[in-house]
């Protein structure tokens, strides 16, 4: 009973170590694959980048108080900023008001 039981325990431990080692190797391979894939994906995305569009209007000068002189000037400044931005060029909606109290 004693030596046979020890041999079975030793075999069980050896199998467990083999499974853990195999799992660690697979996990490391998966991580390396994911890192390689993300760097390739990043290169593809960087190659497809385009410069931002040209602004559709020229920004007017600000008045002495730091604001714009009229609603039209404020709207043109917003349009110049928004149309020259990749993030905003399709969403230029003017909500400018001249709030002079």
PDB file of N, CA and C in Angstrom:
ATOM      1  N   UNK A   1       0.830  -1.192   0.000  1.00  0.00           N
ATOM      2  CA  UNK A   1       0.000   0.000   0.000  1.00  0.00           C
ATOM      3  C   UNK A   1       0.870   1.251   0.000  1.00  0.00           C
ATOM      4  N   UNK A   2       1.913   1.332   0.773  1.00  0.00           N
ATOM      5  CA  UNK A   2       2.724   2.526   0.951  1.00  0.00           C
ATOM      6  C   UNK A   2       3.463   2.959  -0.293  1.00  0.00           C
ATOM      7  N   UNK A   3       4.238   2.101  -0.923  1.00  0.00           N
ATOM      8  CA  UNK A   3       5.038   2.506  -2.085  1.00  0.00           C
ATOM      9  C   UNK A   3       4.177   2.734  -3.306  1.00  0.00           C
ATOM     10  N   UNK A   4       3.134   1.958  -3.477  1.00  0.00           N
ATOM     11  CA  UNK A   4       2.236   2.133  -4.609  1.00  0.00           C
ATOM     12  C   UNK A   4       1.492   3.456  -4.497  1.00  0.00           C
ATOM     13  N   UNK A   5       1.093   3.803  -3.280  1.00  0.00           N
ATOM     14  CA  UNK A   5       0.394   5.068  -3.037  1.00  0.00           C
ATOM     15  C   UNK A   5       1.314   6.260  -3.313  1.00  0.00           C
ATOM     16  N   UNK A   6       2.568   6.186  -2.906  1.00  0.00           N
ATOM     17  CA  UNK A   6       3.532   7.251  -3.161  1.00  0.00           C
ATOM     18  C   UNK A   6       3.801   7.394  -4.650  1.00  0.00           C
ATOM     19  N   UNK A   7       3.879   6.301  -5.349  1.00  0.00           N
ATOM     20  CA  UNK A   7       4.115   6.356  -6.793  1.00  0.00           C
ATOM     21  C   UNK A   7       2.942   7.017  -7.499  1.00  0.00           C
ATOM     22  N   UNK A   8       1.725   6.698  -7.087  1.00  0.00           N
ATOM     23  CA  UNK A   8       0.546   7.302  -7.708  1.00  0.00           C
ATOM     24  C   UNK A   8       0.504   8.810  -7.421  1.00  0.00           C
ATOM     25  N   UNK A   9       0.870   9.210  -6.188  1.00  0.00           N
ATOM     26  CA  UNK A   9       0.914  10.630  -5.850  1.00  0.00           C
ATOM     27  C   UNK A   9       1.981  11.340  -6.671  1.00  0.00           C
ATOM     28  N   UNK A  10       3.135  10.711  -6.841  1.00  0.00           N
ATOM     29  CA  UNK A  10       4.215  11.300  -7.632  1.00  0.00           C
ATOM     30  C   UNK A  10       3.793  11.467  -9.081  1.00  0.00           C
ATOM     31  N   UNK A  11       3.114  10.457  -9.627  1.00  0.00           N
ATOM     32  CA  UNK A  11       2.623  10.550 -11.008  1.00  0.00           C
ATOM     33  C   UNK A  11       1.575  11.663 -11.143  1.00  0.00           C
ATOM     34  N   UNK A  12       0.717  11.751 -10.144  1.00  0.00           N
ATOM     35  CA  UNK A  12      -0.314  12.798 -10.184  1.00  0.00           C
ATOM     36  C   UNK A  12       0.323  14.181 -10.142  1.00  0.00           C
ATOM     37  N   UNK A  13       1.321  14.360  -9.295  1.00  0.00           N
ATOM     38  CA  UNK A  13       2.014  15.654  -9.227  1.00  0.00           C
ATOM     39  C   UNK A  13       2.740  15.961 -10.531  1.00  0.00           C
ATOM     40  N   UNK A  14       3.362  14.957 -11.129  1.00  0.00           N
ATOM     41  CA  UNK A  14       4.070  15.144 -12.394  1.00  0.00           C
ATOM     42  C   UNK A  14       3.094  15.546 -13.492  1.00  0.00           C
ATOM     43  N   UNK A  15       1.928  14.909 -13.516  1.00  0.00           N
ATOM     44  CA  UNK A  15       0.906  15.258 -14.516  1.00  0.00           C
ATOM     45  C   UNK A  15       0.419  16.691 -14.303  1.00  0.00           C
ATOM     46  N   UNK A  16       0.204  17.041 -13.037  1.00  0.00           N
ATOM     47  CA  UNK A  16      -0.245  18.398 -12.729  1.00  0.00           C
ATOM     48  C   UNK A  16       0.783  19.434 -13.172  1.00  0.00           C
ATOM     49  N   UNK A  17       2.062  19.178 -12.893  1.00  0.00           N
ATOM     50  CA  UNK A  17       3.125  20.088 -13.333  1.00  0.00           C
ATOM     51  C   UNK A  17       3.143  20.196 -14.855  1.00  0.00           C
ATOM     52  N   UNK A  18       2.961  19.070 -15.536  1.00  0.00           N
ATOM     53  CA  UNK A  18       2.961  19.088 -17.002  1.00  0.00           C
ATOM     54  C   UNK A  18       1.795  19.920 -17.525  1.00  0.00           C
ATOM     55  N   UNK A  19       0.612  19.773 -16.924  1.00  0.00           N
ATOM     56  CA  UNK A  19      -0.552  20.559 -17.361  1.00  0.00           C
ATOM     57  C   UNK A  19      -0.353  22.049 -17.088  1.00  0.00           C
ATOM     58  N   UNK A  20       0.195  22.374 -15.930  1.00  0.00           N
ATOM     59  CA  UNK A  20       0.445  23.776 -15.595  1.00  0.00           C
ATOM     60  C   UNK A  20       1.487  24.359 -16.541  1.00  0.00           C
ATOM     61  N   UNK A  21       2.541  23.606 -16.815  1.00  0.00           N
ATOM     62  CA  UNK A  21       3.573  24.087 -17.739  1.00  0.00           C
ATOM     63  C   UNK A  21       3.001  24.296 -19.128  1.00  0.00           C
ATOM     64  N   UNK A  22       2.183  23.365 -19.576  1.00  0.00           N
ATOM     65  CA  UNK A  22       1.572  23.482 -20.902  1.00  0.00           C
ATOM     66  C   UNK A  22       0.646  24.700 -20.957  1.00  0.00           C
ATOM     67  N   UNK A  23      -0.107  24.924 -19.889  1.00  0.00           N
ATOM     68  CA  UNK A  23      -1.003  26.082 -19.844  1.00  0.00           C
ATOM     69  C   UNK A  23      -0.209  27.382 -19.861  1.00  0.00           C
ATOM     70  N   UNK A  24       0.906  27.417 -19.162  1.00  0.00           N
ATOM     71  CA  UNK A  24       1.740  28.622 -19.149  1.00  0.00           C
ATOM     72  C   UNK A  24       2.336  28.887 -20.519  1.00  0.00           C
ATOM     73  N   UNK A  25       2.769  27.839 -21.208  1.00  0.00           N
ATOM     74  CA  UNK A  25       3.326  28.004 -22.551  1.00  0.00           C
ATOM     75  C   UNK A  25       2.252  28.514 -23.497  1.00  0.00           C
ATOM     76  N   UNK A  26       1.047  27.958 -23.400  1.00  0.00           N
ATOM     77  CA  UNK A  26      -0.046  28.415 -24.273  1.00  0.00           C
ATOM     78  C   UNK A  26      -0.412  29.879 -23.978  1.00  0.00           C
ATOM     79  N   UNK A  27      -0.449  30.230 -22.705  1.00  0.00           N
ATOM     80  CA  UNK A  27      -0.771  31.615 -22.336  1.00  0.00           C
ATOM     81  C   UNK A  27       0.300  32.571 -22.856  1.00  0.00           C
ATOM     82  N   UNK A  28       1.565  32.197 -22.731  1.00  0.00           N
ATOM     83  CA  UNK A  28       2.649  33.044 -23.225  1.00  0.00           C
ATOM     84  C   UNK A  28       2.570  33.188 -24.739  1.00  0.00           C
ATOM     85  N   UNK A  29       2.270  32.087 -25.434  1.00  0.00           N
ATOM     86  CA  UNK A  29       2.141  32.145 -26.893  1.00  0.00           C
ATOM     87  C   UNK A  29       0.984  33.045 -27.291  1.00  0.00           C
ATOM     88  N   UNK A  30      -0.118  32.968 -26.555  1.00  0.00           N
ATOM     89  CA  UNK A  30      -1.276  33.806 -26.845  1.00  0.00           C
ATOM     90  C   UNK A  30      -0.955  35.285 -26.637  1.00  0.00           C
ATOM     91  N   UNK A  31      -0.260  35.596 -25.578  1.00  0.00           N
ATOM     92  CA  UNK A  31       0.129  36.987 -25.311  1.00  0.00           C
ATOM     93  C   UNK A  31       1.052  37.499 -26.408  1.00  0.00           C
ATOM     94  N   UNK A  32       2.036  36.704 -26.787  1.00  0.00           N
ATOM     95  CA  UNK A  32       2.955  37.121 -27.852  1.00  0.00           C
ATOM     96  C   UNK A  32       2.221  37.302 -29.174  1.00  0.00           C
ATOM     97  N   UNK A  33       1.282  36.415 -29.464  1.00  0.00           N
ATOM     98  CA  UNK A  33       0.492  36.544 -30.689  1.00  0.00           C
ATOM     99  C   UNK A  33      -0.329  37.830 -30.659  1.00  0.00           C
ATOM    100  N   UNK A  34      -0.964  38.108 -29.515  1.00  0.00           N
ATOM    101  CA  UNK A  34      -1.787  39.314 -29.399  1.00  0.00           C
ATOM    102  C   UNK A  34      -0.932  40.568 -29.540  1.00  0.00           C
ATOM    103  N   UNK A  35       0.253  40.574 -28.947  1.00  0.00           N
ATOM    104  CA  UNK A  35       1.140  41.738 -29.069  1.00  0.00           C
ATOM    105  C   UNK A  35       1.582  41.935 -30.508  1.00  0.00           C
ATOM    106  N   UNK A  36       1.898  40.861 -31.178  1.00  0.00           N
ATOM    107  CA  UNK A  36       2.296  40.951 -32.583  1.00  0.00           C
ATOM    108  C   UNK A  36       1.164  41.433 -33.455  1.00  0.00           C
ATOM    109  N   UNK A  37      -0.031  40.943 -33.177  1.00  0.00           N
ATOM    110  CA  UNK A  37      -1.200  41.335 -33.956  1.00  0.00           C
ATOM    111  C   UNK A  37      -1.526  42.806 -33.742  1.00  0.00           C
ATOM    112  N   UNK A  38      -1.432  43.280 -32.515  1.00  0.00           N
ATOM    113  CA  UNK A  38      -1.756  44.678 -32.268  1.00  0.00           C
ATOM    114  C   UNK A  38      -0.740  45.616 -32.925  1.00  0.00           C
ATOM    115  N   UNK A  39       0.524  45.214 -32.989  1.00  0.00           N
ATOM    116  CA  UNK A  39       1.504  46.083 -33.641  1.00  0.00           C
ATOM    117  C   UNK A  39       1.283  46.111 -35.148  1.00  0.00           C
ATOM    118  N   UNK A  40       0.893  44.978 -35.728  1.00  0.00           N
ATOM    119  CA  UNK A  40       0.594  44.943 -37.163  1.00  0.00           C
ATOM    120  C   UNK A  40      -0.642  45.776 -37.444  1.00  0.00           C
ATOM    121  N   UNK A  41      -1.659  45.630 -36.606  1.00  0.00           N
ATOM    122  CA  UNK A  41      -2.886  46.393 -36.774  1.00  0.00           C
ATOM    123  C   UNK A  41      -2.613  47.888 -36.659  1.00  0.00           C
ATOM    124  N   UNK A  42      -1.762  48.274 -35.717  1.00  0.00           N
ATOM    125  CA  UNK A  42      -1.413  49.677 -35.554  1.00  0.00           C
ATOM    126  C   UNK A  42      -0.699  50.228 -36.769  1.00  0.00           C
ATOM    127  N   UNK A  43       0.177  49.435 -37.372  1.00  0.00           N
ATOM    128  CA  UNK A  43       0.878  49.895 -38.577  1.00  0.00           C
ATOM    129  C   UNK A  43      -0.092  50.090 -39.721  1.00  0.00           C
ATOM    130  N   UNK A  44      -1.067  49.208 -39.850  1.00  0.00           N
ATOM    131  CA  UNK A  44      -2.053  49.335 -40.916  1.00  0.00           C
ATOM    132  C   UNK A  44      -2.894  50.588 -40.694  1.00  0.00           C
ATOM    133  N   UNK A  45      -3.323  50.827 -39.456  1.00  0.00           N
ATOM    134  CA  UNK A  45      -4.131  52.009 -39.172  1.00  0.00           C
ATOM    135  C   UNK A  45      -3.351  53.294 -39.373  1.00  0.00           C
ATOM    136  N   UNK A  46      -2.081  53.310 -38.964  1.00  0.00           N
ATOM    137  CA  UNK A  46      -1.277  54.519 -39.150  1.00  0.00           C
ATOM    138  C   UNK A  46      -1.037  54.801 -40.627  1.00  0.00           C
ATOM    139  N   UNK A  47      -0.931  53.778 -41.443  1.00  0.00           N
ATOM    140  CA  UNK A  47      -0.684  53.970 -42.863  1.00  0.00           C
ATOM    141  C   UNK A  47      -1.894  54.591 -43.552  1.00  0.00           C
ATOM    142  N   UNK A  48      -3.103  54.418 -42.991  1.00  0.00           N
ATOM    143  CA  UNK A  48      -4.317  54.915 -43.622  1.00  0.00           C
ATOM    144  C   UNK A  48      -4.724  56.303 -43.138  1.00  0.00           C
ATOM    145  N   UNK A  49      -3.974  56.924 -42.250  1.00  0.00           N
ATOM    146  CA  UNK A  49      -4.352  58.232 -41.725  1.00  0.00           C
ATOM    147  C   UNK A  49      -4.222  59.302 -42.796  1.00  0.00           C
ATOM    148  N   UNK A  50      -5.117  60.274 -42.719  1.00  0.00           N
ATOM    149  CA  UNK A  50      -5.108  61.398 -43.643  1.00  0.00           C
ATOM    150  C   UNK A  50      -4.995  62.689 -42.840  1.00  0.00           C
ATOM    151  N   UNK A  51      -4.476  63.727 -43.443  1.00  0.00           N
ATOM    152  CA  UNK A  51      -4.409  65.011 -42.728  1.00  0.00           C
ATOM    153  C   UNK A  51      -5.816  65.578 -42.536  1.00  0.00           C
ATOM    154  N   UNK A  52      -5.992  66.483 -41.570  1.00  0.00           N
ATOM    155  CA  UNK A  52      -7.318  67.076 -41.362  1.00  0.00           C
ATOM    156  C   UNK A  52      -7.721  67.931 -42.566  1.00  0.00           C
ATOM    157  N   UNK A  53      -9.011  68.133 -42.755  1.00  0.00           N
ATOM    158  CA  UNK A  53      -9.466  68.948 -43.890  1.00  0.00           C
ATOM    159  C   UNK A  53      -9.091  70.414 -43.705  1.00  0.00           C
ATOM    160  N   UNK A  54      -9.072  71.126 -44.806  1.00  0.00           N
ATOM    161  CA  UNK A  54      -8.809  72.564 -44.764  1.00  0.00           C
ATOM    162  C   UNK A  54     -10.041  73.280 -44.211  1.00  0.00           C
ATOM    163  N   UNK A  55      -9.854  74.308 -43.378  1.00  0.00           N
ATOM    164  CA  UNK A  55     -11.011  75.050 -42.855  1.00  0.00           C
ATOM    165  C   UNK A  55     -11.812  75.690 -43.986  1.00  0.00           C
ATOM    166  N   UNK A  56     -13.138  75.694 -43.855  1.00  0.00           N
ATOM    167  CA  UNK A  56     -14.015  76.263 -44.884  1.00  0.00           C
ATOM    168  C   UNK A  56     -14.124  77.781 -44.766  1.00  0.00           C
ATOM    169  N   UNK A  57     -13.653  78.334 -43.679  1.00  0.00           N
ATOM    170  CA  UNK A  57     -13.728  79.787 -43.463  1.00  0.00           C
ATOM    171  C   UNK A  57     -12.476  80.231 -42.736  1.00  0.00           C
ATOM    172  N   UNK A  58     -12.239  81.547 -42.773  1.00  0.00           N
ATOM    173  CA  UNK A  58     -11.100  82.109 -42.056  1.00  0.00           C
ATOM    174  C   UNK A  58     -11.602  82.726 -40.752  1.00  0.00           C
ATOM    175  N   UNK A  59     -10.911  82.446 -39.670  1.00  0.00           N
ATOM    176  CA  UNK A  59     -11.342  82.935 -38.356  1.00  0.00           C
ATOM    177  C   UNK A  59     -11.170  84.451 -38.267  1.00  0.00           C
ATOM    178  N   UNK A  60     -12.215  85.158 -37.835  1.00  0.00           N
ATOM    179  CA  UNK A  60     -12.106  86.615 -37.674  1.00  0.00           C
ATOM    180  C   UNK A  60     -11.336  86.972 -36.405  1.00  0.00           C
ATOM    181  N   UNK A  61     -10.895  88.218 -36.331  1.00  0.00           N
ATOM    182  CA  UNK A  61     -10.185  88.717 -35.149  1.00  0.00           C
ATOM    183  C   UNK A  61     -11.174  88.944 -34.014  1.00  0.00           C
ATOM    184  N   UNK A  62     -10.699  88.758 -32.792  1.00  0.00           N
ATOM    185  CA  UNK A  62     -11.543  89.008 -31.627  1.00  0.00           C
ATOM    186  C   UNK A  62     -11.564  90.501 -31.305  1.00  0.00           C
ATOM    187  N   UNK A  63     -12.627  90.914 -30.630  1.00  0.00           N
ATOM    188  CA  UNK A  63     -12.762  92.316 -30.211  1.00  0.00           C
ATOM    189  C   UNK A  63     -11.891  92.570 -28.982  1.00  0.00           C
ATOM    190  N   UNK A  64     -11.864  93.825 -28.525  1.00  0.00           N
ATOM    191  CA  UNK A  64     -11.033  94.199 -27.376  1.00  0.00           C
ATOM    192  C   UNK A  64     -11.413  93.443 -26.104  1.00  0.00           C
ATOM    193  N   UNK A  65     -12.692  93.106 -25.956  1.00  0.00           N
ATOM    194  CA  UNK A  65     -13.147  92.421 -24.739  1.00  0.00           C
ATOM    195  C   UNK A  65     -12.891  90.914 -24.762  1.00  0.00           C
ATOM    196  N   UNK A  66     -12.298  90.393 -25.822  1.00  0.00           N
ATOM    197  CA  UNK A  66     -11.969  88.972 -25.915  1.00  0.00           C
ATOM    198  C   UNK A  66     -13.017  88.145 -26.625  1.00  0.00           C
ATOM    199  N   UNK A  67     -14.165  88.734 -26.905  1.00  0.00           N
ATOM    200  CA  UNK A  67     -15.223  88.037 -27.646  1.00  0.00           C
ATOM    201  C   UNK A  67     -15.184  88.449 -29.102  1.00  0.00           C
ATOM    202  N   UNK A  68     -16.200  88.082 -29.831  1.00  0.00           N
ATOM    203  CA  UNK A  68     -16.301  88.486 -31.231  1.00  0.00           C
ATOM    204  C   UNK A  68     -17.264  89.656 -31.339  1.00  0.00           C
ATOM    205  N   UNK A  69     -17.062  90.478 -32.331  1.00  0.00           N
ATOM    206  CA  UNK A  69     -17.839  91.706 -32.473  1.00  0.00           C
ATOM    207  C   UNK A  69     -19.284  91.484 -32.830  1.00  0.00           C
ATOM    208  N   UNK A  70     -19.601  90.387 -33.470  1.00  0.00           N
ATOM    209  CA  UNK A  70     -20.987  90.134 -33.875  1.00  0.00           C
ATOM    210  C   UNK A  70     -21.247  88.630 -33.885  1.00  0.00           C
ATOM    211  N   UNK A  71     -22.528  88.294 -34.022  1.00  0.00           N
ATOM    212  CA  UNK A  71     -22.904  86.888 -34.098  1.00  0.00           C
ATOM    213  C   UNK A  71     -22.304  86.253 -35.354  1.00  0.00           C
ATOM    214  N   UNK A  72     -22.270  87.001 -36.423  1.00  0.00           N
ATOM    215  CA  UNK A  72     -21.681  86.494 -37.668  1.00  0.00           C
ATOM    216  C   UNK A  72     -20.201  86.158 -37.509  1.00  0.00           C
ATOM    217  N   UNK A  73     -19.468  87.024 -36.789  1.00  0.00           N
ATOM    218  CA  UNK A  73     -18.047  86.761 -36.541  1.00  0.00           C
ATOM    219  C   UNK A  73     -17.865  85.504 -35.679  1.00  0.00           C
ATOM    220  N   UNK A  74     -18.717  85.371 -34.650  1.00  0.00           N
ATOM    221  CA  UNK A  74     -18.631  84.196 -33.780  1.00  0.00           C
ATOM    222  C   UNK A  74     -18.945  82.927 -34.564  1.00  0.00           C
ATOM    223  N   UNK A  75     -19.930  82.997 -35.429  1.00  0.00           N
ATOM    224  CA  UNK A  75     -20.304  81.844 -36.249  1.00  0.00           C
ATOM    225  C   UNK A  75     -19.178  81.477 -37.212  1.00  0.00           C
ATOM    226  N   UNK A  76     -18.530  82.467 -37.808  1.00  0.00           N
ATOM    227  CA  UNK A  76     -17.413  82.198 -38.727  1.00  0.00           C
ATOM    228  C   UNK A  76     -16.222  81.587 -37.987  1.00  0.00           C
ATOM    229  N   UNK A  77     -15.965  82.047 -36.751  1.00  0.00           N
ATOM    230  CA  UNK A  77     -14.871  81.479 -35.953  1.00  0.00           C
ATOM    231  C   UNK A  77     -15.149  80.018 -35.636  1.00  0.00           C
ATOM    232  N   UNK A  78     -16.394  79.737 -35.284  1.00  0.00           N
ATOM    233  CA  UNK A  78     -16.781  78.354 -34.990  1.00  0.00           C
ATOM    234  C   UNK A  78     -16.656  77.496 -36.242  1.00  0.00           C
ATOM    235  N   UNK A  79     -17.095  78.010 -37.361  1.00  0.00           N
ATOM    236  CA  UNK A  79     -17.035  77.267 -38.619  1.00  0.00           C
ATOM    237  C   UNK A  79     -15.591  77.002 -39.022  1.00  0.00           C
ATOM    238  N   UNK A  80     -14.726  77.999 -38.840  1.00  0.00           N
ATOM    239  CA  UNK A  80     -13.307  77.817 -39.182  1.00  0.00           C
ATOM    240  C   UNK A  80     -12.678  76.742 -38.305  1.00  0.00           C
ATOM    241  N   UNK A  81     -13.025  76.747 -37.038  1.00  0.00           N
ATOM    242  CA  UNK A  81     -12.468  75.760 -36.105  1.00  0.00           C
ATOM    243  C   UNK A  81     -13.022  74.367 -36.375  1.00  0.00           C
ATOM    244  N   UNK A  82     -14.331  74.280 -36.580  1.00  0.00           N
ATOM    245  CA  UNK A  82     -14.976  72.970 -36.741  1.00  0.00           C
ATOM    246  C   UNK A  82     -14.651  72.319 -38.073  1.00  0.00           C
ATOM    247  N   UNK A  83     -14.617  73.077 -39.140  1.00  0.00           N
ATOM    248  CA  UNK A  83     -14.375  72.455 -40.445  1.00  0.00           C
ATOM    249  C   UNK A  83     -12.905  72.105 -40.649  1.00  0.00           C
ATOM    250  N   UNK A  84     -12.013  72.618 -39.834  1.00  0.00           N
ATOM    251  CA  UNK A  84     -10.598  72.259 -39.918  1.00  0.00           C
ATOM    252  C   UNK A  84     -10.228  71.139 -38.960  1.00  0.00           C
ATOM    253  N   UNK A  85     -11.225  70.503 -38.357  1.00  0.00           N
ATOM    254  CA  UNK A  85     -10.989  69.436 -37.387  1.00  0.00           C
ATOM    255  C   UNK A  85     -11.570  68.133 -37.905  1.00  0.00           C
ATOM    256  N   UNK A  86     -10.801  67.054 -37.788  1.00  0.00           N
ATOM    257  CA  UNK A  86     -11.294  65.742 -38.217  1.00  0.00           C
ATOM    258  C   UNK A  86     -12.492  65.301 -37.385  1.00  0.00           C
ATOM    259  N   UNK A  87     -12.535  65.717 -36.134  1.00  0.00           N
ATOM    260  CA  UNK A  87     -13.598  65.260 -35.251  1.00  0.00           C
ATOM    261  C   UNK A  87     -14.892  66.042 -35.440  1.00  0.00           C
ATOM    262  N   UNK A  88     -14.809  67.276 -35.921  1.00  0.00           N
ATOM    263  CA  UNK A  88     -15.994  68.129 -35.942  1.00  0.00           C
ATOM    264  C   UNK A  88     -16.425  68.595 -37.326  1.00  0.00           C
ATOM    265  N   UNK A  89     -15.730  68.236 -38.383  1.00  0.00           N
ATOM    266  CA  UNK A  89     -15.999  68.889 -39.655  1.00  0.00           C
ATOM    267  C   UNK A  89     -17.387  68.604 -40.213  1.00  0.00           C
ATOM    268  N   UNK A  90     -18.043  67.526 -39.783  1.00  0.00           N
ATOM    269  CA  UNK A  90     -19.390  67.231 -40.267  1.00  0.00           C
ATOM    270  C   UNK A  90     -20.473  67.723 -39.321  1.00  0.00           C
ATOM    271  N   UNK A  91     -20.098  68.337 -38.210  1.00  0.00           N
ATOM    272  CA  UNK A  91     -21.098  68.703 -37.207  1.00  0.00           C
ATOM    273  C   UNK A  91     -21.063  70.189 -36.876  1.00  0.00           C
ATOM    274  N   UNK A  92     -20.860  71.022 -37.853  1.00  0.00           N
ATOM    275  CA  UNK A  92     -20.795  72.457 -37.597  1.00  0.00           C
ATOM    276  C   UNK A  92     -22.212  73.026 -37.583  1.00  0.00           C
ATOM    277  N   UNK A  93     -22.741  73.222 -36.377  1.00  0.00           N
ATOM    278  CA  UNK A  93     -24.046  73.852 -36.183  1.00  0.00           C
ATOM    279  C   UNK A  93     -23.799  75.069 -35.312  1.00  0.00           C
ATOM    280  N   UNK A  94     -24.177  76.238 -35.790  1.00  0.00           N
ATOM    281  CA  UNK A  94     -23.861  77.472 -35.088  1.00  0.00           C
ATOM    282  C   UNK A  94     -24.946  77.818 -34.075  1.00  0.00           C
ATOM    283  N   UNK A  95     -24.526  77.949 -32.810  1.00  0.00           N
ATOM    284  CA  UNK A  95     -25.412  78.372 -31.739  1.00  0.00           C
ATOM    285  C   UNK A  95     -24.927  79.692 -31.131  1.00  0.00           C
ATOM    286  N   UNK A  96     -24.185  80.462 -31.886  1.00  0.00           N
ATOM    287  CA  UNK A  96     -23.564  81.678 -31.360  1.00  0.00           C
ATOM    288  C   UNK A  96     -24.619  82.742 -31.077  1.00  0.00           C
ATOM    289  N   UNK A  97     -24.433  83.436 -29.973  1.00  0.00           N
ATOM    290  CA  UNK A  97     -25.290  84.591 -29.646  1.00  0.00           C
ATOM    291  C   UNK A  97     -24.375  85.712 -29.189  1.00  0.00           C
ATOM    292  N   UNK A  98     -24.871  86.912 -29.246  1.00  0.00           N
ATOM    293  CA  UNK A  98     -24.116  88.043 -28.749  1.00  0.00           C
ATOM    294  C   UNK A  98     -24.769  88.443 -27.433  1.00  0.00           C
ATOM    295  N   UNK A  99     -24.234  87.955 -26.326  1.00  0.00           N
ATOM    296  CA  UNK A  99     -24.832  88.174 -25.012  1.00  0.00           C
ATOM    297  C   UNK A  99     -24.186  89.394 -24.352  1.00  0.00           C
ATOM    298  N   UNK A 100     -24.486  90.560 -24.890  1.00  0.00           N
ATOM    299  CA  UNK A 100     -23.954  91.804 -24.328  1.00  0.00           C
ATOM    300  C   UNK A 100     -24.994  92.382 -23.369  1.00  0.00           C
ATOM    301  N   UNK A 101     -24.649  92.484 -22.084  1.00  0.00           N
ATOM    302  CA  UNK A 101     -25.594  93.002 -21.101  1.00  0.00           C
ATOM    303  C   UNK A 101     -25.253  94.414 -20.737  1.00  0.00           C
TER     304      UNK A 101
END
